Protein backbone atom coordinates (compact mmCIF):
# COMPACT_ATOMS: atom_id res chain seq x y z
CA UNK A 1 17.06 -6.18 11.58
CA UNK A 2 13.61 -4.68 10.37
CA UNK A 3 13.69 -2.01 12.89
CA UNK A 4 17.08 -1.11 11.63
CA UNK A 5 16.08 -0.91 8.07
CA UNK A 6 12.83 1.20 8.36
CA UNK A 7 14.63 3.60 11.01
CA UNK A 8 17.32 4.47 8.68
CA UNK A 9 15.10 4.86 5.80
CA UNK A 10 12.19 6.19 7.55
CA UNK A 11 8.79 6.88 5.04
CA UNK A 12 11.07 6.33 1.99
CA UNK A 13 11.54 2.60 2.38
CA UNK A 14 9.83 1.18 -0.73
CA UNK A 15 8.77 -2.18 -2.31
CA UNK A 16 9.15 -5.00 -1.80
CA UNK A 17 9.69 -4.47 1.94
CA UNK A 18 7.06 -1.82 2.24
CA UNK A 19 4.01 -0.82 0.19
CA UNK A 20 0.76 1.21 0.20
CA UNK A 21 -2.05 -0.80 1.83
CA UNK A 22 -4.99 -0.81 -0.58
CA UNK A 23 -8.57 -0.46 0.81
CA UNK A 24 -7.85 1.79 3.92
CA UNK A 25 -9.64 4.82 4.81
CA UNK A 26 -6.13 6.33 5.39
CA UNK A 27 -3.92 7.25 2.35
CA UNK A 28 -1.02 6.86 4.23
CA UNK A 29 -1.64 3.26 5.26
CA UNK A 30 1.46 0.94 4.57
CA UNK A 31 2.39 -2.72 5.14
CA UNK A 32 5.74 -3.95 6.02
CA UNK A 33 6.48 -7.20 4.45
CA UNK A 34 8.63 -10.09 5.56
CA UNK A 35 9.36 -13.65 5.98
CA UNK A 36 10.21 -15.12 9.51
CA UNK A 37 10.85 -18.91 10.04
CA UNK A 38 8.61 -19.91 7.08
CA UNK A 39 5.66 -17.40 7.94
CA UNK A 40 4.70 -14.82 5.58
CA UNK A 41 4.19 -11.67 7.92
CA UNK A 42 2.53 -8.43 7.25
CA UNK A 43 2.69 -5.47 9.76
CA UNK A 44 0.24 -2.63 9.24
CA UNK A 45 1.60 1.03 10.03
CA UNK A 46 1.13 4.72 9.22
CA UNK A 47 2.78 7.73 9.98
CA UNK A 48 0.99 10.12 12.08
CA UNK A 49 0.87 13.99 11.79
CA UNK A 50 3.92 14.14 13.89
CA UNK A 51 5.73 11.73 11.38
CA UNK A 52 5.96 9.04 14.06
CA UNK A 53 5.48 5.42 12.75
CA UNK A 54 2.69 4.01 14.38
CA UNK A 55 2.45 0.09 14.34
CA UNK A 56 -1.31 -1.08 14.30
CA UNK A 57 -1.63 -4.73 13.47
CA UNK A 58 0.12 -7.74 12.20
CA UNK A 59 -0.32 -11.21 11.32
CA UNK A 60 0.95 -14.25 9.44
CA UNK A 61 -0.55 -14.40 5.98
CA UNK A 62 0.74 -17.84 4.97
CA UNK A 63 -2.11 -20.53 4.11
CA UNK A 64 -5.08 -17.84 4.83
CA UNK A 65 -7.56 -16.52 1.99
CA UNK A 66 -5.86 -13.23 0.85
CA UNK A 67 -8.83 -11.22 0.59
CA UNK A 68 -10.07 -12.17 3.95
CA UNK A 69 -6.82 -11.55 5.52
CA UNK A 70 -6.37 -7.96 4.08
CA UNK A 71 -10.11 -7.17 5.05
CA UNK A 72 -9.58 -7.95 8.48
CA UNK A 73 -6.20 -6.59 8.70
CA UNK A 74 -7.50 -3.13 7.21
CA UNK A 75 -10.31 -3.21 9.40
CA UNK A 76 -8.46 -3.39 12.43
CA UNK A 77 -5.68 -0.98 11.43
CA UNK A 78 -8.11 1.60 10.45
CA UNK A 79 -10.02 1.35 13.59
CA UNK A 80 -6.50 1.72 15.73
CA UNK A 81 -5.36 4.68 13.83
CA UNK A 82 -8.81 6.48 13.88
CA UNK A 83 -8.40 6.07 17.92
CA UNK A 84 -4.58 7.12 17.75
CA UNK A 85 -5.51 10.22 15.56
CA UNK A 86 -8.63 11.12 17.98
CA UNK A 87 -6.14 10.80 21.08
CA UNK A 88 -3.65 13.11 19.38
CA UNK A 89 -6.54 15.62 18.58
CA UNK A 90 -8.01 15.49 22.32
CA UNK A 91 -4.37 16.10 23.60
CA UNK A 92 -3.95 19.15 21.28
CA UNK A 93 -7.48 20.37 22.26
CA UNK A 94 -6.69 20.17 26.03
CA UNK A 95 -3.21 22.02 25.48
CA UNK A 96 -4.98 24.73 23.51
CA UNK A 97 -7.82 25.17 26.19
CA UNK A 98 -4.97 25.04 29.07
CA UNK A 99 -3.11 27.88 26.93
CA UNK A 100 -6.37 29.99 26.55
CA UNK A 101 -7.20 29.82 30.08
CA UNK A 102 -3.75 30.62 31.47
CA UNK A 103 -2.06 32.45 28.88
CA UNK A 104 0.55 30.88 26.63
CA UNK A 105 3.84 29.95 28.51
CA UNK A 106 7.22 30.93 26.82
């Protein structure tokens, strides 16, 4: 159900289901909020430069210290998104290097 909701609205899905995550190094870091079987779930995601949603980390917030929960969630999400962006840059650099050596293919 949540996938259907986010796929139809994309980056425009808003509160209370999705909100910007505070404390991240990335301005576009978001959290998907939902309850499931009595648990309070948060899933962190961001849209990469290709506008693809990248799911980074999730957890059950119920019964956990809010500050500690978000500090850990943001730290893991930032690290994973940094790695994802670096991977995209590396792929782009490799493609650019091949085109430079062999000429751009049409």
